[in-house]
Amino acid sequence: MKKLASILLILVFLASLVTTAGASENGTPSAAAPLSGEGRGKEVTIKVMSYNIRHGVGMDQVLDLDRIANEIRASGADIIGLQEVDRHYSARSNFEDQAKKLAESLGMHYIYGANLDRDPLEPGGKRRQYGTAVLSRYPIIHSENHLLSSFGQEQRGLLEATINVKGNHIQFYSTHLGLTTEQRLAQIDEILAITSQYDRTTIITGDFNALPVSEEIRLMKTLFKDGFEDQGDAFTFPADKPRSRIDYIFVSENVELTHPEVLSTLASDHLPIIGEITLKREAPYNNGR
């Protein structure tokens, strides 16, 4: 009987090894377990957007954040860089956390970067903030808001997100630059230093307050491609009679922005811009460190 019991215990142990092989402790595939066909040789196409939402106030001067959410929803955008976003800022936006409200409405992940961070109006109240945000259908696994040199004027920043798009780790940024050439050149120098540290697909969205022929945009193009460069005027401001292109989507050299489009809407004083990027996966988790 003892011998039979020993044999049974050995068989149970071997069966458990077969059952658990190929999985790590947290349920993700281990190095010994080959991934399914989805993990190798597949391409993932995402839609990306840049949108200065003017804290939800449209050209009719009406605050309506739902209009912004509807524009984003209708566009099919997967990852969105937003500018001029309020968080408990003032009565102009009903003291709402706008990034959170948009994310909940759209069923997305989000991060927020406060460039203005002011004391509450009353003791114990929430801090009043104004800045940028990133919304994403895909998990955001790291984020950081980098404050940029602003020369005593309105504080500007670069909001950074590392996003896991089905195994592709990409760098996505939202920014809103200053109103003078001196500010913008210094800020772009800092942006290039921050973004060039990663060896992976990079997307930079934002209101740059600069025209395509400017020195500032030429400086950006020393490291990144202007996704709308071949789209003619592609004017984005003002929304009712657009005559200036100051909103951009820049991408790293390893990808292309295809199907670029300026969307027509009066939900803000800027027009949103959108395009598609195809991420090529030669191996799982291959494009980042």
Protein backbone atom coordinates (compact mmCIF):
# COMPACT_ATOMS: atom_id res chain seq x y z
CA MET A 1 0.00 0.00 0.00
CA LYS A 2 2.82 2.40 0.86
CA LYS A 3 4.42 1.72 -2.53
CA LEU A 4 1.10 2.35 -4.33
CA ALA A 5 0.57 5.60 -2.40
CA SER A 6 4.06 6.77 -3.34
CA ILE A 7 3.38 6.08 -7.02
CA LEU A 8 0.10 8.02 -6.85
CA LEU A 9 1.83 11.02 -5.25
CA ILE A 10 4.46 11.03 -8.02
CA LEU A 11 1.75 10.91 -10.70
CA VAL A 12 -0.13 13.83 -9.11
CA PHE A 13 3.09 15.86 -8.93
CA LEU A 14 3.87 15.22 -12.61
CA ALA A 15 0.33 16.18 -13.60
CA SER A 16 0.65 19.48 -11.76
CA LEU A 17 3.83 20.27 -13.67
CA VAL A 18 2.06 19.74 -16.98
CA THR A 19 -0.86 21.95 -15.87
CA THR A 20 1.25 24.92 -14.75
CA ALA A 21 3.99 24.86 -17.41
CA GLY A 22 4.10 28.00 -19.55
CA ALA A 23 2.58 30.41 -17.04
CA SER A 24 4.26 32.76 -14.63
CA GLU A 25 3.05 33.50 -11.13
CA ASN A 26 0.98 36.48 -12.27
CA GLY A 27 -0.76 34.59 -15.05
CA THR A 28 1.22 36.08 -17.94
CA PRO A 29 3.13 33.88 -20.39
CA SER A 30 6.55 32.81 -19.13
CA ALA A 31 9.72 32.69 -21.20
CA ALA A 32 9.19 28.97 -21.73
CA ALA A 33 5.70 29.42 -23.13
CA PRO A 34 5.38 30.47 -26.78
CA LEU A 35 2.86 33.24 -27.36
CA SER A 36 -0.08 32.75 -29.67
CA GLY A 37 -0.03 33.98 -33.25
CA GLU A 38 -1.25 37.34 -32.00
CA GLY A 39 2.09 37.95 -30.34
CA ARG A 40 4.33 37.68 -33.40
CA GLY A 41 4.38 39.15 -36.85
CA LYS A 42 1.16 41.12 -36.38
CA GLU A 43 0.50 44.79 -37.05
CA VAL A 44 -1.58 47.05 -34.85
CA THR A 45 -3.12 50.22 -36.31
CA ILE A 46 -4.13 53.00 -33.93
CA LYS A 47 -5.80 56.37 -34.42
CA VAL A 48 -4.17 59.28 -32.63
CA MET A 49 -5.56 62.76 -32.07
CA SER A 50 -4.45 66.18 -30.87
CA TYR A 51 -7.15 68.52 -29.58
CA ASN A 52 -7.02 71.85 -27.78
CA ILE A 53 -10.44 71.81 -26.09
CA ARG A 54 -10.42 75.33 -24.50
CA HIS A 55 -11.82 73.83 -21.27
CA GLY A 56 -14.90 72.66 -23.15
CA VAL A 57 -16.07 76.05 -24.41
CA GLY A 58 -17.14 76.14 -28.05
CA MET A 59 -17.23 78.92 -30.60
CA ASP A 60 -20.72 79.72 -29.33
CA GLN A 61 -19.09 80.52 -25.95
CA VAL A 62 -21.09 77.71 -24.31
CA LEU A 63 -19.43 75.29 -21.90
CA ASP A 64 -20.32 71.78 -23.08
CA LEU A 65 -17.80 69.05 -22.32
CA ASP A 66 -20.18 66.43 -23.69
CA ARG A 67 -19.68 67.94 -27.15
CA ILE A 68 -15.95 67.33 -26.82
CA ALA A 69 -16.57 63.72 -25.77
CA ASN A 70 -18.91 63.21 -28.71
CA GLU A 71 -16.34 64.55 -31.19
CA ILE A 72 -13.69 62.21 -29.82
CA ARG A 73 -16.09 59.27 -29.83
CA ALA A 74 -17.21 59.90 -33.40
CA SER A 75 -13.61 60.15 -34.61
CA GLY A 76 -12.73 56.65 -33.40
CA ALA A 77 -9.50 57.94 -31.86
CA ASP A 78 -7.63 55.47 -29.67
CA ILE A 79 -5.13 57.83 -28.02
CA ILE A 80 -5.73 61.54 -27.62
CA GLY A 81 -3.50 64.40 -26.51
CA LEU A 82 -5.58 67.21 -25.01
CA GLN A 83 -4.61 70.79 -24.20
CA GLU A 84 -6.30 73.52 -22.10
CA VAL A 85 -7.91 71.08 -19.70
CA ASP A 86 -9.29 72.23 -16.33
CA ARG A 87 -9.31 70.33 -13.07
CA HIS A 88 -11.42 72.00 -10.35
CA TYR A 89 -10.07 75.23 -11.82
CA SER A 90 -12.91 77.72 -11.64
CA ALA A 91 -16.55 78.46 -12.37
CA ARG A 92 -15.70 78.70 -16.08
CA SER A 93 -15.68 74.86 -16.15
CA ASN A 94 -17.98 74.26 -13.16
CA PHE A 95 -14.94 73.24 -11.07
CA GLU A 96 -15.04 69.80 -12.75
CA ASP A 97 -12.18 67.37 -13.24
CA GLN A 98 -12.47 67.48 -17.01
CA ALA A 99 -9.93 64.78 -17.86
CA LYS A 100 -11.62 62.34 -15.51
CA LYS A 101 -15.08 63.20 -16.81
CA LEU A 102 -14.01 62.70 -20.43
CA ALA A 103 -12.27 59.42 -19.64
CA GLU A 104 -15.32 58.07 -17.84
CA SER A 105 -17.62 59.13 -20.66
CA LEU A 106 -15.41 57.47 -23.26
CA GLY A 107 -14.41 54.42 -21.21
CA MET A 108 -10.71 55.26 -21.46
CA HIS A 109 -7.62 55.39 -19.30
CA TYR A 110 -6.27 58.89 -18.63
CA ILE A 111 -3.49 60.94 -17.09
CA TYR A 112 -3.39 64.62 -16.27
CA GLY A 113 -0.56 67.13 -16.14
CA ALA A 114 -1.11 70.31 -14.11
CA ASN A 115 0.94 73.22 -15.43
CA LEU A 116 -0.94 75.78 -13.36
CA ASP A 117 -1.50 74.55 -9.81
CA ARG A 118 -3.26 77.05 -7.57
CA ASP A 119 -4.52 76.99 -3.99
CA PRO A 120 -8.17 76.14 -3.31
CA LEU A 121 -10.63 78.99 -3.02
CA GLU A 122 -11.57 77.69 0.44
CA PRO A 123 -9.51 75.85 3.09
CA GLY A 124 -9.71 72.11 2.56
CA GLY A 125 -10.90 72.46 -1.02
CA LYS A 126 -9.36 70.84 -4.08
CA ARG A 127 -6.41 72.43 -5.81
CA ARG A 128 -7.28 74.41 -8.91
CA GLN A 129 -5.36 73.13 -11.90
CA TYR A 130 -5.01 73.78 -15.61
CA GLY A 131 -2.93 71.81 -18.08
CA THR A 132 -2.88 68.89 -20.49
CA ALA A 133 -4.19 65.33 -20.54
CA VAL A 134 -3.85 62.04 -22.39
CA LEU A 135 -6.78 59.68 -22.98
CA SER A 136 -6.12 56.12 -24.12
CA ARG A 137 -8.03 52.95 -24.93
CA TYR A 138 -4.85 51.09 -23.99
CA PRO A 139 -3.21 50.83 -20.56
CA ILE A 140 -0.93 53.69 -19.51
CA ILE A 141 1.95 52.04 -17.67
CA HIS A 142 4.01 55.13 -16.82
CA SER A 143 3.44 58.87 -16.81
CA GLU A 144 5.26 62.06 -15.91
CA ASN A 145 4.60 65.77 -16.39
CA HIS A 146 7.71 67.76 -17.30
CA LEU A 147 7.51 71.48 -16.57
CA LEU A 148 9.17 73.51 -19.32
CA SER A 149 11.05 76.79 -19.13
CA SER A 150 8.46 79.57 -19.30
CA PHE A 151 10.40 82.80 -18.56
CA GLY A 152 7.97 84.04 -15.92
CA GLN A 153 4.99 83.72 -18.24
CA GLU A 154 2.24 81.07 -18.07
CA GLN A 155 3.81 77.77 -17.03
CA ARG A 156 3.99 75.22 -19.85
CA GLY A 157 4.62 71.50 -19.72
CA LEU A 158 5.14 68.23 -21.60
CA LEU A 159 2.93 65.37 -20.41
CA GLU A 160 4.52 61.98 -21.03
CA ALA A 161 2.78 58.61 -21.21
CA THR A 162 4.19 55.16 -21.85
CA ILE A 163 1.32 53.15 -23.33
CA ASN A 164 1.09 49.40 -23.87
CA VAL A 165 -0.64 48.87 -27.22
CA LYS A 166 -1.07 45.09 -27.40
CA GLY A 167 2.56 44.56 -26.47
CA ASN A 168 3.98 47.60 -28.23
CA HIS A 169 5.30 50.08 -25.69
CA ILE A 170 5.03 53.54 -27.23
CA GLN A 171 5.84 57.03 -25.96
CA PHE A 172 2.98 59.50 -26.30
CA TYR A 173 3.13 63.18 -25.38
CA SER A 174 0.79 66.16 -25.11
CA THR A 175 2.10 69.71 -24.91
CA HIS A 176 1.02 73.35 -25.19
CA LEU A 177 3.83 75.78 -25.90
CA GLY A 178 4.28 79.46 -25.02
CA LEU A 179 3.32 82.61 -26.86
CA THR A 180 6.77 83.96 -27.76
CA THR A 181 9.46 82.60 -30.06
CA GLU A 182 12.00 82.72 -27.22
CA GLN A 183 9.79 80.56 -25.03
CA ARG A 184 8.97 78.06 -27.73
CA LEU A 185 12.55 77.54 -28.88
CA ALA A 186 13.70 76.88 -25.31
CA GLN A 187 10.73 74.59 -24.71
CA ILE A 188 11.35 72.62 -27.89
CA ASP A 189 15.01 72.17 -26.94
CA GLU A 190 13.80 70.62 -23.69
CA ILE A 191 11.18 68.50 -25.45
CA LEU A 192 13.78 67.06 -27.83
CA ALA A 193 16.09 66.25 -24.92
CA ILE A 194 13.30 64.49 -23.02
CA THR A 195 11.83 62.54 -25.93
CA SER A 196 15.12 61.45 -27.52
CA GLN A 197 16.07 59.30 -24.52
CA TYR A 198 13.70 56.51 -25.64
CA ASP A 199 14.42 54.06 -28.43
CA ARG A 200 10.80 53.32 -29.28
CA THR A 201 7.88 54.63 -31.28
CA THR A 202 7.20 58.22 -30.22
CA ILE A 203 4.20 60.45 -30.89
CA ILE A 204 4.13 64.12 -29.84
CA THR A 205 0.83 65.99 -30.01
CA GLY A 206 0.02 69.53 -29.12
CA ASP A 207 -0.76 73.17 -29.66
CA PHE A 208 2.66 74.57 -30.55
CA ASN A 209 1.48 78.16 -31.15
CA ALA A 210 3.84 78.23 -34.15
CA LEU A 211 3.39 78.10 -37.91
CA PRO A 212 4.95 75.35 -40.08
CA VAL A 213 7.53 77.78 -41.54
CA SER A 214 8.73 78.91 -38.11
CA GLU A 215 12.15 78.22 -36.64
CA GLU A 216 10.49 76.32 -33.83
CA ILE A 217 8.81 73.77 -36.11
CA ARG A 218 11.99 73.41 -38.18
CA LEU A 219 13.76 72.55 -34.92
CA MET A 220 11.14 69.90 -34.07
CA LYS A 221 11.66 68.34 -37.50
CA THR A 222 15.34 67.71 -36.83
CA LEU A 223 14.25 64.62 -34.85
CA PHE A 224 10.58 64.04 -35.68
CA LYS A 225 8.32 64.03 -38.73
CA ASP A 226 5.42 66.43 -39.11
CA GLY A 227 2.50 64.13 -39.85
CA PHE A 228 0.61 66.86 -41.73
CA GLU A 229 3.51 68.29 -43.74
CA ASP A 230 2.12 67.05 -47.06
CA GLN A 231 -1.49 68.02 -46.34
CA GLY A 232 -1.48 71.54 -47.72
CA ASP A 233 -2.78 74.18 -45.36
CA ALA A 234 -4.41 71.88 -42.76
CA PHE A 235 -5.47 74.96 -40.81
CA THR A 236 -6.65 74.38 -37.22
CA PHE A 237 -7.33 77.83 -35.76
CA PRO A 238 -9.72 79.55 -35.28
CA ALA A 239 -12.30 76.81 -35.63
CA ASP A 240 -14.99 78.87 -37.36
CA LYS A 241 -12.64 80.42 -39.94
CA PRO A 242 -9.39 78.42 -39.78
CA ARG A 243 -6.42 80.26 -41.26
CA SER A 244 -3.46 79.10 -39.16
CA ARG A 245 -1.88 75.69 -38.55
CA ILE A 246 -0.62 75.64 -34.97
CA ASP A 247 -1.70 72.13 -33.87
CA TYR A 248 0.57 69.19 -34.70
CA ILE A 249 1.17 65.47 -34.53
CA PHE A 250 4.86 64.61 -34.76
CA VAL A 251 6.06 61.01 -35.08
CA SER A 252 9.40 59.24 -34.82
CA GLU A 253 11.25 58.14 -37.93
CA ASN A 254 10.23 54.48 -37.62
CA VAL A 255 6.53 55.11 -38.29
CA GLU A 256 4.27 57.08 -40.64
CA LEU A 257 1.14 59.06 -39.88
CA THR A 258 -1.37 57.96 -42.51
CA HIS A 259 -4.85 59.30 -43.32
CA PRO A 260 -4.17 62.64 -41.60
CA GLU A 261 -7.30 64.74 -41.28
CA VAL A 262 -8.46 68.00 -39.76
CA LEU A 263 -11.93 67.47 -38.31
CA SER A 264 -14.61 70.13 -38.65
CA THR A 265 -16.31 71.05 -35.37
CA LEU A 266 -17.12 74.18 -33.39
CA ALA A 267 -16.93 72.43 -29.99
CA SER A 268 -13.71 74.39 -29.23
CA ASP A 269 -11.84 77.30 -30.79
CA HIS A 270 -9.31 74.82 -32.23
CA LEU A 271 -10.00 72.02 -34.71
CA PRO A 272 -8.92 68.51 -33.70
CA ILE A 273 -6.46 66.66 -35.93
CA ILE A 274 -6.26 62.89 -36.34
CA GLY A 275 -4.23 60.24 -38.15
CA GLU A 276 -3.38 56.55 -38.12
CA ILE A 277 -0.15 54.82 -37.14
CA THR A 278 0.65 51.17 -37.79
CA LEU A 279 2.89 49.50 -35.23
CA LYS A 280 4.83 46.58 -36.67
CA ARG A 281 5.63 43.77 -34.27
CA GLU A 282 8.51 41.55 -35.30
CA ALA A 283 8.61 40.12 -31.80
CA PRO A 284 6.52 40.67 -28.67
CA TYR A 285 7.46 43.76 -26.64
CA ASN A 286 10.19 44.49 -29.16
CA ASN A 287 10.10 48.26 -29.49
CA GLY A 288 11.16 49.67 -26.18
CA ARG A 289 13.51 49.49 -23.30
